Amino acid sequence: MREFTTSAKTATDSGRKLPDVKFKLDTVEMTCRAPKDAQLAYLIAAASQSRTEADQVAAVLDFFEQTLDPASLAVFRRRLLNTTDSFDFPDAMAIFEHVCEEWSGRPTGSGSDS
């Protein structure tokens, strides 16, 4: 039987580590924790333009579920699911794009928003 050990690899891995990304949602400071490579690969595959829009939405929401710190996730969920709150999926996508830009070091959009 093949055995896989991850703790030693994690302890000795000297590769790059993405930073946590802090941002404000209105007046609340939020933190998106740095994903591990597998999370990033999953997101890239799931949110690719070759997927349906529903799959892309699900992938982005799953990603936030896994990377927002607990306090930020609680605010994100409450606001997104509140029918009287103006915070909606396009706002979540803007945050997602910002976080990806921070991790990649390059803008994802046209660059005309600055």
PDB file of N, CA and C in Angstrom:
ATOM      1  N   MET A   1       0.853  -1.178   0.000  1.00  0.00           N
ATOM      2  CA  MET A   1       0.000   0.000   0.000  1.00  0.00           C
ATOM      3  C   MET A   1       0.896   1.238   0.000  1.00  0.00           C
ATOM      4  N   ARG A   2       0.589   2.132  -0.878  1.00  0.00           N
ATOM      5  CA  ARG A   2       1.373   3.356  -0.960  1.00  0.00           C
ATOM      6  C   ARG A   2       0.937   4.322   0.132  1.00  0.00           C
ATOM      7  N   GLU A   3       1.893   4.966   0.751  1.00  0.00           N
ATOM      8  CA  GLU A   3       1.605   5.910   1.836  1.00  0.00           C
ATOM      9  C   GLU A   3       1.996   7.315   1.401  1.00  0.00           C
ATOM     10  N   PHE A   4       1.178   8.280   1.751  1.00  0.00           N
ATOM     11  CA  PHE A   4       1.454   9.675   1.416  1.00  0.00           C
ATOM     12  C   PHE A   4       1.583  10.472   2.699  1.00  0.00           C
ATOM     13  N   THR A   5       2.660  11.225   2.804  1.00  0.00           N
ATOM     14  CA  THR A   5       2.897  12.029   3.995  1.00  0.00           C
ATOM     15  C   THR A   5       2.975  13.490   3.583  1.00  0.00           C
ATOM     16  N   THR A   6       2.159  14.320   4.198  1.00  0.00           N
ATOM     17  CA  THR A   6       2.155  15.735   3.837  1.00  0.00           C
ATOM     18  C   THR A   6       2.815  16.623   4.879  1.00  0.00           C
ATOM     19  N   SER A   7       2.835  16.221   6.128  1.00  0.00           N
ATOM     20  CA  SER A   7       3.357  17.106   7.171  1.00  0.00           C
ATOM     21  C   SER A   7       4.838  17.399   6.976  1.00  0.00           C
ATOM     22  N   ALA A   8       5.620  16.419   6.602  1.00  0.00           N
ATOM     23  CA  ALA A   8       7.052  16.650   6.395  1.00  0.00           C
ATOM     24  C   ALA A   8       7.276  17.572   5.205  1.00  0.00           C
ATOM     25  N   LYS A   9       6.515  17.378   4.152  1.00  0.00           N
ATOM     26  CA  LYS A   9       6.645  18.236   2.978  1.00  0.00           C
ATOM     27  C   LYS A   9       6.319  19.670   3.340  1.00  0.00           C
ATOM     28  N   THR A  10       5.271  19.869   4.109  1.00  0.00           N
ATOM     29  CA  THR A  10       4.883  21.216   4.520  1.00  0.00           C
ATOM     30  C   THR A  10       5.978  21.858   5.367  1.00  0.00           C
ATOM     31  N   ALA A  11       6.553  21.085   6.254  1.00  0.00           N
ATOM     32  CA  ALA A  11       7.583  21.626   7.154  1.00  0.00           C
ATOM     33  C   ALA A  11       8.854  21.989   6.399  1.00  0.00           C
ATOM     34  N   THR A  12       9.177  21.243   5.341  1.00  0.00           N
ATOM     35  CA  THR A  12      10.433  21.487   4.642  1.00  0.00           C
ATOM     36  C   THR A  12      10.275  22.274   3.355  1.00  0.00           C
ATOM     37  N   ASP A  13       9.055  22.527   2.938  1.00  0.00           N
ATOM     38  CA  ASP A  13       8.817  23.228   1.683  1.00  0.00           C
ATOM     39  C   ASP A  13       9.236  24.685   1.832  1.00  0.00           C
ATOM     40  N   SER A  14      10.160  25.105   0.994  1.00  0.00           N
ATOM     41  CA  SER A  14      10.624  26.494   1.071  1.00  0.00           C
ATOM     42  C   SER A  14      10.110  27.307  -0.117  1.00  0.00           C
ATOM     43  N   GLY A  15       9.094  26.796  -0.788  1.00  0.00           N
ATOM     44  CA  GLY A  15       8.528  27.486  -1.943  1.00  0.00           C
ATOM     45  C   GLY A  15       7.810  28.761  -1.545  1.00  0.00           C
ATOM     46  N   ARG A  16       7.328  29.451  -2.547  1.00  0.00           N
ATOM     47  CA  ARG A  16       6.642  30.718  -2.298  1.00  0.00           C
ATOM     48  C   ARG A  16       5.347  30.495  -1.532  1.00  0.00           C
ATOM     49  N   LYS A  17       4.963  31.486  -0.772  1.00  0.00           N
ATOM     50  CA  LYS A  17       3.696  31.440  -0.054  1.00  0.00           C
ATOM     51  C   LYS A  17       2.958  32.712  -0.399  1.00  0.00           C
ATOM     52  N   LEU A  18       1.745  32.543  -0.859  1.00  0.00           N
ATOM     53  CA  LEU A  18       0.923  33.710  -1.164  1.00  0.00           C
ATOM     54  C   LEU A  18       0.524  34.402   0.135  1.00  0.00           C
ATOM     55  N   PRO A  19       0.357  35.716   0.092  1.00  0.00           N
ATOM     56  CA  PRO A  19      -0.051  36.435   1.305  1.00  0.00           C
ATOM     57  C   PRO A  19      -1.557  36.369   1.518  1.00  0.00           C
ATOM     58  N   ASP A  20      -1.977  36.535   2.760  1.00  0.00           N
ATOM     59  CA  ASP A  20      -3.383  36.780   3.023  1.00  0.00           C
ATOM     60  C   ASP A  20      -3.711  38.148   2.419  1.00  0.00           C
ATOM     61  N   VAL A  21      -4.925  38.311   1.953  1.00  0.00           N
ATOM     62  CA  VAL A  21      -5.319  39.587   1.354  1.00  0.00           C
ATOM     63  C   VAL A  21      -6.401  40.209   2.231  1.00  0.00           C
ATOM     64  N   LYS A  22      -6.143  41.412   2.681  1.00  0.00           N
ATOM     65  CA  LYS A  22      -7.117  42.157   3.472  1.00  0.00           C
ATOM     66  C   LYS A  22      -7.816  43.161   2.564  1.00  0.00           C
ATOM     67  N   PHE A  23      -9.104  43.346   2.794  1.00  0.00           N
ATOM     68  CA  PHE A  23      -9.885  44.316   2.046  1.00  0.00           C
ATOM     69  C   PHE A  23     -11.038  44.758   2.928  1.00  0.00           C
ATOM     70  N   LYS A  24     -11.670  45.854   2.551  1.00  0.00           N
ATOM     71  CA  LYS A  24     -12.838  46.322   3.296  1.00  0.00           C
ATOM     72  C   LYS A  24     -14.089  46.102   2.473  1.00  0.00           C
ATOM     73  N   LEU A  25     -15.104  45.605   3.132  1.00  0.00           N
ATOM     74  CA  LEU A  25     -16.435  45.506   2.550  1.00  0.00           C
ATOM     75  C   LEU A  25     -17.261  46.543   3.290  1.00  0.00           C
ATOM     76  N   ASP A  26     -17.461  47.659   2.637  1.00  0.00           N
ATOM     77  CA  ASP A  26     -17.998  48.847   3.272  1.00  0.00           C
ATOM     78  C   ASP A  26     -17.066  49.220   4.424  1.00  0.00           C
ATOM     79  N   THR A  27     -17.463  49.123   5.670  1.00  0.00           N
ATOM     80  CA  THR A  27     -16.577  49.525   6.757  1.00  0.00           C
ATOM     81  C   THR A  27     -15.948  48.342   7.492  1.00  0.00           C
ATOM     82  N   VAL A  28     -16.243  47.130   7.069  1.00  0.00           N
ATOM     83  CA  VAL A  28     -15.769  45.935   7.773  1.00  0.00           C
ATOM     84  C   VAL A  28     -14.493  45.416   7.120  1.00  0.00           C
ATOM     85  N   GLU A  29     -13.417  45.281   7.915  1.00  0.00           N
ATOM     86  CA  GLU A  29     -12.179  44.714   7.390  1.00  0.00           C
ATOM     87  C   GLU A  29     -12.325  43.203   7.276  1.00  0.00           C
ATOM     88  N   MET A  30     -11.997  42.688   6.102  1.00  0.00           N
ATOM     89  CA  MET A  30     -12.136  41.269   5.813  1.00  0.00           C
ATOM     90  C   MET A  30     -10.758  40.696   5.465  1.00  0.00           C
ATOM     91  N   THR A  31     -10.614  39.391   5.646  1.00  0.00           N
ATOM     92  CA  THR A  31      -9.359  38.727   5.305  1.00  0.00           C
ATOM     93  C   THR A  31      -9.634  37.480   4.488  1.00  0.00           C
ATOM     94  N   CYS A  32      -8.985  37.411   3.339  1.00  0.00           N
ATOM     95  CA  CYS A  32      -9.026  36.219   2.507  1.00  0.00           C
ATOM     96  C   CYS A  32      -7.678  35.525   2.719  1.00  0.00           C
ATOM     97  N   ARG A  33      -7.726  34.351   3.321  1.00  0.00           N
ATOM     98  CA  ARG A  33      -6.498  33.621   3.626  1.00  0.00           C
ATOM     99  C   ARG A  33      -5.860  33.078   2.358  1.00  0.00           C
ATOM    100  N   ALA A  34      -4.558  32.999   2.366  1.00  0.00           N
ATOM    101  CA  ALA A  34      -3.830  32.482   1.210  1.00  0.00           C
ATOM    102  C   ALA A  34      -4.220  31.041   0.935  1.00  0.00           C
ATOM    103  N   PRO A  35      -4.555  30.733  -0.314  1.00  0.00           N
ATOM    104  CA  PRO A  35      -4.912  29.357  -0.639  1.00  0.00           C
ATOM    105  C   PRO A  35      -3.670  28.515  -0.857  1.00  0.00           C
ATOM    106  N   LYS A  36      -3.821  27.223  -0.708  1.00  0.00           N
ATOM    107  CA  LYS A  36      -2.727  26.344  -1.090  1.00  0.00           C
ATOM    108  C   LYS A  36      -2.847  26.087  -2.587  1.00  0.00           C
ATOM    109  N   ASP A  37      -1.824  25.532  -3.175  1.00  0.00           N
ATOM    110  CA  ASP A  37      -1.789  25.354  -4.623  1.00  0.00           C
ATOM    111  C   ASP A  37      -2.976  24.555  -5.150  1.00  0.00           C
ATOM    112  N   ALA A  38      -3.406  23.533  -4.413  1.00  0.00           N
ATOM    113  CA  ALA A  38      -4.526  22.709  -4.874  1.00  0.00           C
ATOM    114  C   ALA A  38      -5.817  23.523  -4.944  1.00  0.00           C
ATOM    115  N   GLN A  39      -6.033  24.426  -3.991  1.00  0.00           N
ATOM    116  CA  GLN A  39      -7.224  25.275  -4.023  1.00  0.00           C
ATOM    117  C   GLN A  39      -7.186  26.191  -5.238  1.00  0.00           C
ATOM    118  N   LEU A  40      -6.013  26.745  -5.514  1.00  0.00           N
ATOM    119  CA  LEU A  40      -5.870  27.625  -6.658  1.00  0.00           C
ATOM    120  C   LEU A  40      -6.108  26.869  -7.962  1.00  0.00           C
ATOM    121  N   ALA A  41      -5.570  25.676  -8.062  1.00  0.00           N
ATOM    122  CA  ALA A  41      -5.764  24.864  -9.268  1.00  0.00           C
ATOM    123  C   ALA A  41      -7.234  24.520  -9.450  1.00  0.00           C
ATOM    124  N   TYR A  42      -7.910  24.166  -8.360  1.00  0.00           N
ATOM    125  CA  TYR A  42      -9.339  23.856  -8.425  1.00  0.00           C
ATOM    126  C   TYR A  42     -10.119  25.071  -8.911  1.00  0.00           C
ATOM    127  N   LEU A  43      -9.813  26.215  -8.352  1.00  0.00           N
ATOM    128  CA  LEU A  43     -10.526  27.432  -8.724  1.00  0.00           C
ATOM    129  C   LEU A  43     -10.316  27.763 -10.186  1.00  0.00           C
ATOM    130  N   ILE A  44      -9.079  27.688 -10.652  1.00  0.00           N
ATOM    131  CA  ILE A  44      -8.785  28.010 -12.043  1.00  0.00           C
ATOM    132  C   ILE A  44      -9.564  27.089 -12.983  1.00  0.00           C
ATOM    133  N   ALA A  45      -9.575  25.803 -12.653  1.00  0.00           N
ATOM    134  CA  ALA A  45     -10.303  24.848 -13.494  1.00  0.00           C
ATOM    135  C   ALA A  45     -11.808  25.072 -13.422  1.00  0.00           C
ATOM    136  N   ALA A  46     -12.323  25.267 -12.227  1.00  0.00           N
ATOM    137  CA  ALA A  46     -13.771  25.373 -12.046  1.00  0.00           C
ATOM    138  C   ALA A  46     -14.334  26.690 -12.559  1.00  0.00           C
ATOM    139  N   ALA A  47     -13.552  27.755 -12.472  1.00  0.00           N
ATOM    140  CA  ALA A  47     -14.058  29.074 -12.865  1.00  0.00           C
ATOM    141  C   ALA A  47     -13.647  29.463 -14.282  1.00  0.00           C
ATOM    142  N   SER A  48     -13.103  28.526 -15.050  1.00  0.00           N
ATOM    143  CA  SER A  48     -12.677  28.851 -16.411  1.00  0.00           C
ATOM    144  C   SER A  48     -13.873  29.201 -17.280  1.00  0.00           C
ATOM    145  N   GLN A  49     -13.620  29.957 -18.319  1.00  0.00           N
ATOM    146  CA  GLN A  49     -14.714  30.411 -19.182  1.00  0.00           C
ATOM    147  C   GLN A  49     -15.328  29.272 -19.980  1.00  0.00           C
ATOM    148  N   SER A  50     -14.686  28.108 -20.011  1.00  0.00           N
ATOM    149  CA  SER A  50     -15.269  26.971 -20.728  1.00  0.00           C
ATOM    150  C   SER A  50     -16.370  26.293 -19.904  1.00  0.00           C
ATOM    151  N   ARG A  51     -16.506  26.696 -18.640  1.00  0.00           N
ATOM    152  CA  ARG A  51     -17.566  26.154 -17.777  1.00  0.00           C
ATOM    153  C   ARG A  51     -18.829  26.987 -17.903  1.00  0.00           C
ATOM    154  N   THR A  52     -19.932  26.402 -17.477  1.00  0.00           N
ATOM    155  CA  THR A  52     -21.182  27.149 -17.492  1.00  0.00           C
ATOM    156  C   THR A  52     -21.113  28.269 -16.459  1.00  0.00           C
ATOM    157  N   GLU A  53     -21.964  29.254 -16.623  1.00  0.00           N
ATOM    158  CA  GLU A  53     -21.995  30.362 -15.662  1.00  0.00           C
ATOM    159  C   GLU A  53     -22.346  29.857 -14.266  1.00  0.00           C
ATOM    160  N   ALA A  54     -23.256  28.895 -14.185  1.00  0.00           N
ATOM    161  CA  ALA A  54     -23.639  28.336 -12.883  1.00  0.00           C
ATOM    162  C   ALA A  54     -22.449  27.661 -12.211  1.00  0.00           C
ATOM    163  N   ASP A  55     -21.624  26.937 -12.983  1.00  0.00           N
ATOM    164  CA  ASP A  55     -20.429  26.302 -12.425  1.00  0.00           C
ATOM    165  C   ASP A  55     -19.425  27.346 -11.948  1.00  0.00           C
ATOM    166  N   GLN A  56     -19.294  28.423 -12.705  1.00  0.00           N
ATOM    167  CA  GLN A  56     -18.375  29.492 -12.311  1.00  0.00           C
ATOM    168  C   GLN A  56     -18.822  30.144 -11.010  1.00  0.00           C
ATOM    169  N   VAL A  57     -20.108  30.419 -10.894  1.00  0.00           N
ATOM    170  CA  VAL A  57     -20.656  31.021  -9.671  1.00  0.00           C
ATOM    171  C   VAL A  57     -20.399  30.092  -8.485  1.00  0.00           C
ATOM    172  N   ALA A  58     -20.697  28.816  -8.668  1.00  0.00           N
ATOM    173  CA  ALA A  58     -20.489  27.849  -7.586  1.00  0.00           C
ATOM    174  C   ALA A  58     -19.020  27.774  -7.192  1.00  0.00           C
ATOM    175  N   ALA A  59     -18.130  27.804  -8.157  1.00  0.00           N
ATOM    176  CA  ALA A  59     -16.697  27.727  -7.864  1.00  0.00           C
ATOM    177  C   ALA A  59     -16.223  28.930  -7.063  1.00  0.00           C
ATOM    178  N   VAL A  60     -16.675  30.112  -7.457  1.00  0.00           N
ATOM    179  CA  VAL A  60     -16.266  31.330  -6.742  1.00  0.00           C
ATOM    180  C   VAL A  60     -16.813  31.326  -5.314  1.00  0.00           C
ATOM    181  N   LEU A  61     -18.077  30.944  -5.157  1.00  0.00           N
ATOM    182  CA  LEU A  61     -18.650  30.889  -3.810  1.00  0.00           C
ATOM    183  C   LEU A  61     -17.959  29.828  -2.961  1.00  0.00           C
ATOM    184  N   ASP A  62     -17.660  28.669  -3.535  1.00  0.00           N
ATOM    185  CA  ASP A  62     -16.907  27.635  -2.813  1.00  0.00           C
ATOM    186  C   ASP A  62     -15.548  28.164  -2.378  1.00  0.00           C
ATOM    187  N   PHE A  63     -14.909  28.903  -3.282  1.00  0.00           N
ATOM    188  CA  PHE A  63     -13.590  29.451  -2.981  1.00  0.00           C
ATOM    189  C   PHE A  63     -13.647  30.387  -1.783  1.00  0.00           C
ATOM    190  N   PHE A  64     -14.646  31.278  -1.751  1.00  0.00           N
ATOM    191  CA  PHE A  64     -14.790  32.173  -0.607  1.00  0.00           C
ATOM    192  C   PHE A  64     -15.067  31.389   0.668  1.00  0.00           C
ATOM    193  N   GLU A  65     -15.871  30.342   0.565  1.00  0.00           N
ATOM    194  CA  GLU A  65     -16.160  29.498   1.737  1.00  0.00           C
ATOM    195  C   GLU A  65     -14.869  28.941   2.338  1.00  0.00           C
ATOM    196  N   GLN A  66     -13.914  28.620   1.485  1.00  0.00           N
ATOM    197  CA  GLN A  66     -12.684  27.990   1.947  1.00  0.00           C
ATOM    198  C   GLN A  66     -11.576  28.971   2.323  1.00  0.00           C
ATOM    199  N   THR A  67     -11.606  30.181   1.780  1.00  0.00           N
ATOM    200  CA  THR A  67     -10.472  31.083   2.012  1.00  0.00           C
ATOM    201  C   THR A  67     -10.758  32.271   2.922  1.00  0.00           C
ATOM    202  N   LEU A  68     -12.011  32.691   3.062  1.00  0.00           N
ATOM    203  CA  LEU A  68     -12.289  33.796   3.985  1.00  0.00           C
ATOM    204  C   LEU A  68     -12.124  33.313   5.418  1.00  0.00           C
ATOM    205  N   ASP A  69     -11.532  34.156   6.254  1.00  0.00           N
ATOM    206  CA  ASP A  69     -11.435  33.773   7.661  1.00  0.00           C
ATOM    207  C   ASP A  69     -12.856  33.714   8.240  1.00  0.00           C
ATOM    208  N   PRO A  70     -13.051  33.007   9.360  1.00  0.00           N
ATOM    209  CA  PRO A  70     -14.412  32.782   9.874  1.00  0.00           C
ATOM    210  C   PRO A  70     -15.247  34.047  10.077  1.00  0.00           C
ATOM    211  N   ALA A  71     -14.658  35.093  10.626  1.00  0.00           N
ATOM    212  CA  ALA A  71     -15.421  36.327  10.857  1.00  0.00           C
ATOM    213  C   ALA A  71     -15.820  36.971   9.535  1.00  0.00           C
ATOM    214  N   SER A  72     -14.903  36.981   8.575  1.00  0.00           N
ATOM    215  CA  SER A  72     -15.197  37.553   7.264  1.00  0.00           C
ATOM    216  C   SER A  72     -16.258  36.739   6.542  1.00  0.00           C
ATOM    217  N   LEU A  73     -16.164  35.425   6.645  1.00  0.00           N
ATOM    218  CA  LEU A  73     -17.139  34.555   5.992  1.00  0.00           C
ATOM    219  C   LEU A  73     -18.540  34.790   6.542  1.00  0.00           C
ATOM    220  N   ALA A  74     -18.637  35.000   7.844  1.00  0.00           N
ATOM    221  CA  ALA A  74     -19.951  35.255   8.449  1.00  0.00           C
ATOM    222  C   ALA A  74     -20.565  36.534   7.888  1.00  0.00           C
ATOM    223  N   VAL A  75     -19.769  37.588   7.758  1.00  0.00           N
ATOM    224  CA  VAL A  75     -20.262  38.852   7.199  1.00  0.00           C
ATOM    225  C   VAL A  75     -20.624  38.660   5.724  1.00  0.00           C
ATOM    226  N   PHE A  76     -19.752  38.001   4.988  1.00  0.00           N
ATOM    227  CA  PHE A  76     -19.964  37.759   3.558  1.00  0.00           C
ATOM    228  C   PHE A  76     -21.273  37.013   3.323  1.00  0.00           C
ATOM    229  N   ARG A  77     -21.476  35.920   4.044  1.00  0.00           N
ATOM    230  CA  ARG A  77     -22.709  35.124   3.894  1.00  0.00           C
ATOM    231  C   ARG A  77     -23.949  35.934   4.260  1.00  0.00           C
ATOM    232  N   ARG A  78     -23.878  36.591   5.431  1.00  0.00           N
ATOM    233  CA  ARG A  78     -25.041  37.352   5.904  1.00  0.00           C
ATOM    234  C   ARG A  78     -25.441  38.406   4.890  1.00  0.00           C
ATOM    235  N   ARG A  79     -24.474  39.130   4.366  1.00  0.00           N
ATOM    236  CA  ARG A  79     -24.773  40.201   3.420  1.00  0.00           C
ATOM    237  C   ARG A  79     -25.233  39.651   2.078  1.00  0.00           C
ATOM    238  N   LEU A  80     -24.596  38.608   1.600  1.00  0.00           N
ATOM    239  CA  LEU A  80     -24.944  38.058   0.291  1.00  0.00           C
ATOM    240  C   LEU A  80     -26.341  37.443   0.293  1.00  0.00           C
ATOM    241  N   LEU A  81     -26.720  36.837   1.408  1.00  0.00           N
ATOM    242  CA  LEU A  81     -28.004  36.148   1.475  1.00  0.00           C
ATOM    243  C   LEU A  81     -29.156  37.006   1.988  1.00  0.00           C
ATOM    244  N   ASN A  82     -28.864  38.227   2.418  1.00  0.00           N
ATOM    245  CA  ASN A  82     -29.902  39.134   2.901  1.00  0.00           C
ATOM    246  C   ASN A  82     -30.607  39.766   1.698  1.00  0.00           C
ATOM    247  N   THR A  83     -31.886  39.515   1.569  1.00  0.00           N
ATOM    248  CA  THR A  83     -32.628  40.006   0.397  1.00  0.00           C
ATOM    249  C   THR A  83     -32.781  41.525   0.363  1.00  0.00           C
ATOM    250  N   THR A  84     -32.577  42.201   1.483  1.00  0.00           N
ATOM    251  CA  THR A  84     -32.694  43.658   1.486  1.00  0.00           C
ATOM    252  C   THR A  84     -31.340  44.359   1.396  1.00  0.00           C
ATOM    253  N   ASP A  85     -30.246  43.598   1.346  1.00  0.00           N
ATOM    254  CA  ASP A  85     -28.898  44.154   1.262  1.00  0.00           C
ATOM    255  C   ASP A  85     -28.519  44.309  -0.210  1.00  0.00           C
ATOM    256  N   SER A  86     -27.934  45.430  -0.560  1.00  0.00           N
ATOM    257  CA  SER A  86     -27.558  45.666  -1.957  1.00  0.00           C
ATOM    258  C   SER A  86     -26.313  44.881  -2.378  1.00  0.00           C
ATOM    259  N   PHE A  87     -25.571  44.310  -1.426  1.00  0.00           N
ATOM    260  CA  PHE A  87     -24.400  43.490  -1.754  1.00  0.00           C
ATOM    261  C   PHE A  87     -24.884  42.251  -2.500  1.00  0.00           C
ATOM    262  N   ASP A  88     -24.342  42.036  -3.723  1.00  0.00           N
ATOM    263  CA  ASP A  88     -24.817  40.938  -4.553  1.00  0.00           C
ATOM    264  C   ASP A  88     -23.631  40.263  -5.239  1.00  0.00           C
ATOM    265  N   PHE A  89     -23.928  39.275  -6.062  1.00  0.00           N
ATOM    266  CA  PHE A  89     -22.851  38.486  -6.659  1.00  0.00           C
ATOM    267  C   PHE A  89     -21.863  39.316  -7.480  1.00  0.00           C
ATOM    268  N   PRO A  90     -22.291  40.318  -8.247  1.00  0.00           N
ATOM    269  CA  PRO A  90     -21.282  41.126  -8.950  1.00  0.00           C
ATOM    270  C   PRO A  90     -20.269  41.780  -7.999  1.00  0.00           C
ATOM    271  N   ASP A  91     -20.723  42.155  -6.804  1.00  0.00           N
ATOM    272  CA  ASP A  91     -19.804  42.711  -5.801  1.00  0.00           C
ATOM    273  C   ASP A  91     -18.831  41.637  -5.324  1.00  0.00           C
ATOM    274  N   ALA A  92     -19.344  40.425  -5.112  1.00  0.00           N
ATOM    275  CA  ALA A  92     -18.483  39.314  -4.702  1.00  0.00           C
ATOM    276  C   ALA A  92     -17.449  39.016  -5.784  1.00  0.00           C
ATOM    277  N   MET A  93     -17.861  39.092  -7.047  1.00  0.00           N
ATOM    278  CA  MET A  93     -16.921  38.858  -8.151  1.00  0.00           C
ATOM    279  C   MET A  93     -15.843  39.933  -8.192  1.00  0.00           C
ATOM    280  N   ALA A  94     -16.202  41.166  -7.894  1.00  0.00           N
ATOM    281  CA  ALA A  94     -15.215  42.246  -7.871  1.00  0.00           C
ATOM    282  C   ALA A  94     -14.177  41.984  -6.780  1.00  0.00           C
ATOM    283  N   ILE A  95     -14.638  41.504  -5.627  1.00  0.00           N
ATOM    284  CA  ILE A  95     -13.713  41.161  -4.540  1.00  0.00           C
ATOM    285  C   ILE A  95     -12.830  40.002  -4.976  1.00  0.00           C
ATOM    286  N   PHE A  96     -13.429  38.981  -5.572  1.00  0.00           N
ATOM    287  CA  PHE A  96     -12.680  37.827  -6.060  1.00  0.00           C
ATOM    288  C   PHE A  96     -11.587  38.267  -7.042  1.00  0.00           C
ATOM    289  N   GLU A  97     -11.930  39.145  -7.990  1.00  0.00           N
ATOM    290  CA  GLU A  97     -10.947  39.626  -8.959  1.00  0.00           C
ATOM    291  C   GLU A  97      -9.830  40.401  -8.273  1.00  0.00           C
ATOM    292  N   HIS A  98     -10.176  41.213  -7.278  1.00  0.00           N
ATOM    293  CA  HIS A  98      -9.166  41.961  -6.534  1.00  0.00           C
ATOM    294  C   HIS A  98      -8.189  41.007  -5.839  1.00  0.00           C
ATOM    295  N   VAL A  99      -8.733  39.986  -5.182  1.00  0.00           N
ATOM    296  CA  VAL A  99      -7.892  39.024  -4.470  1.00  0.00           C
ATOM    297  C   VAL A  99      -6.968  38.305  -5.454  1.00  0.00           C
ATOM    298  N   CYS A 100      -7.507  37.894  -6.604  1.00  0.00           N
ATOM    299  CA  CYS A 100      -6.680  37.225  -7.619  1.00  0.00           C
ATOM    300  C   CYS A 100      -5.580  38.144  -8.132  1.00  0.00           C
ATOM    301  N   GLU A 101      -5.905  39.424  -8.311  1.00  0.00           N
ATOM    302  CA  GLU A 101      -4.893  40.393  -8.744  1.00  0.00           C
ATOM    303  C   GLU A 101      -3.779  40.512  -7.712  1.00  0.00           C
ATOM    304  N   GLU A 102      -4.151  40.537  -6.438  1.00  0.00           N
ATOM    305  CA  GLU A 102      -3.151  40.634  -5.376  1.00  0.00           C
ATOM    306  C   GLU A 102      -2.220  39.416  -5.393  1.00  0.00           C
ATOM    307  N   TRP A 103      -2.794  38.246  -5.574  1.00  0.00           N
ATOM    308  CA  TRP A 103      -1.986  37.028  -5.581  1.00  0.00           C
ATOM    309  C   TRP A 103      -1.142  36.892  -6.836  1.00  0.00           C
ATOM    310  N   SER A 104      -1.671  37.340  -7.967  1.00  0.00           N
ATOM    311  CA  SER A 104      -0.939  37.162  -9.220  1.00  0.00           C
ATOM    312  C   SER A 104       0.028  38.310  -9.489  1.00  0.00           C
ATOM    313  N   GLY A 105      -0.210  39.448  -8.837  1.00  0.00           N
ATOM    314  CA  GLY A 105       0.648  40.608  -9.061  1.00  0.00           C
ATOM    315  C   GLY A 105       0.326  41.330 -10.355  1.00  0.00           C
ATOM    316  N   ARG A 106      -0.793  40.990 -10.971  1.00  0.00           N
ATOM    317  CA  ARG A 106      -1.179  41.674 -12.200  1.00  0.00           C
ATOM    318  C   ARG A 106      -2.699  41.816 -12.247  1.00  0.00           C
ATOM    319  N   PRO A 107      -3.177  42.870 -12.895  1.00  0.00           N
ATOM    320  CA  PRO A 107      -4.620  43.081 -12.949  1.00  0.00           C
ATOM    321  C   PRO A 107      -5.310  42.054 -13.850  1.00  0.00           C
ATOM    322  N   THR A 108      -6.552  41.681 -13.471  1.00  0.00           N
ATOM    323  CA  THR A 108      -7.322  40.746 -14.283  1.00  0.00           C
ATOM    324  C   THR A 108      -8.214  41.476 -15.269  1.00  0.00           C
ATOM    325  N   GLY A 109      -8.496  42.751 -15.009  1.00  0.00           N
ATOM    326  CA  GLY A 109      -9.401  43.508 -15.860  1.00  0.00           C
ATOM    327  C   GLY A 109      -8.654  44.295 -16.920  1.00  0.00           C
ATOM    328  N   SER A 110      -9.333  45.305 -17.476  1.00  0.00           N
ATOM    329  CA  SER A 110      -8.767  46.099 -18.563  1.00  0.00           C
ATOM    330  C   SER A 110      -7.732  47.096 -18.078  1.00  0.00           C
ATOM    331  N   GLY A 111      -7.702  47.378 -16.798  1.00  0.00           N
ATOM    332  CA  GLY A 111      -6.765  48.355 -16.269  1.00  0.00           C
ATOM    333  C   GLY A 111      -7.298  49.772 -16.308  1.00  0.00           C
ATOM    334  N   SER A 112      -8.491  49.960 -16.838  1.00  0.00           N
ATOM    335  CA  SER A 112      -9.053  51.308 -16.949  1.00  0.00           C
ATOM    336  C   SER A 112      -9.807  51.730 -15.713  1.00  0.00           C
ATOM    337  N   ASP A 113      -9.886  50.841 -14.722  1.00  0.00           N
ATOM    338  CA  ASP A 113     -10.623  51.164 -13.492  1.00  0.00           C
ATOM    339  C   ASP A 113      -9.820  51.993 -12.507  1.00  0.00           C
ATOM    340  N   SER A 114      -8.526  52.185 -12.761  1.00  0.00           N
ATOM    341  CA  SER A 114      -7.687  52.848 -11.772  1.00  0.00           C
ATOM    342  C   SER A 114      -7.844  54.336 -11.748  1.00  0.00           C
TER     343      SER A 114
END
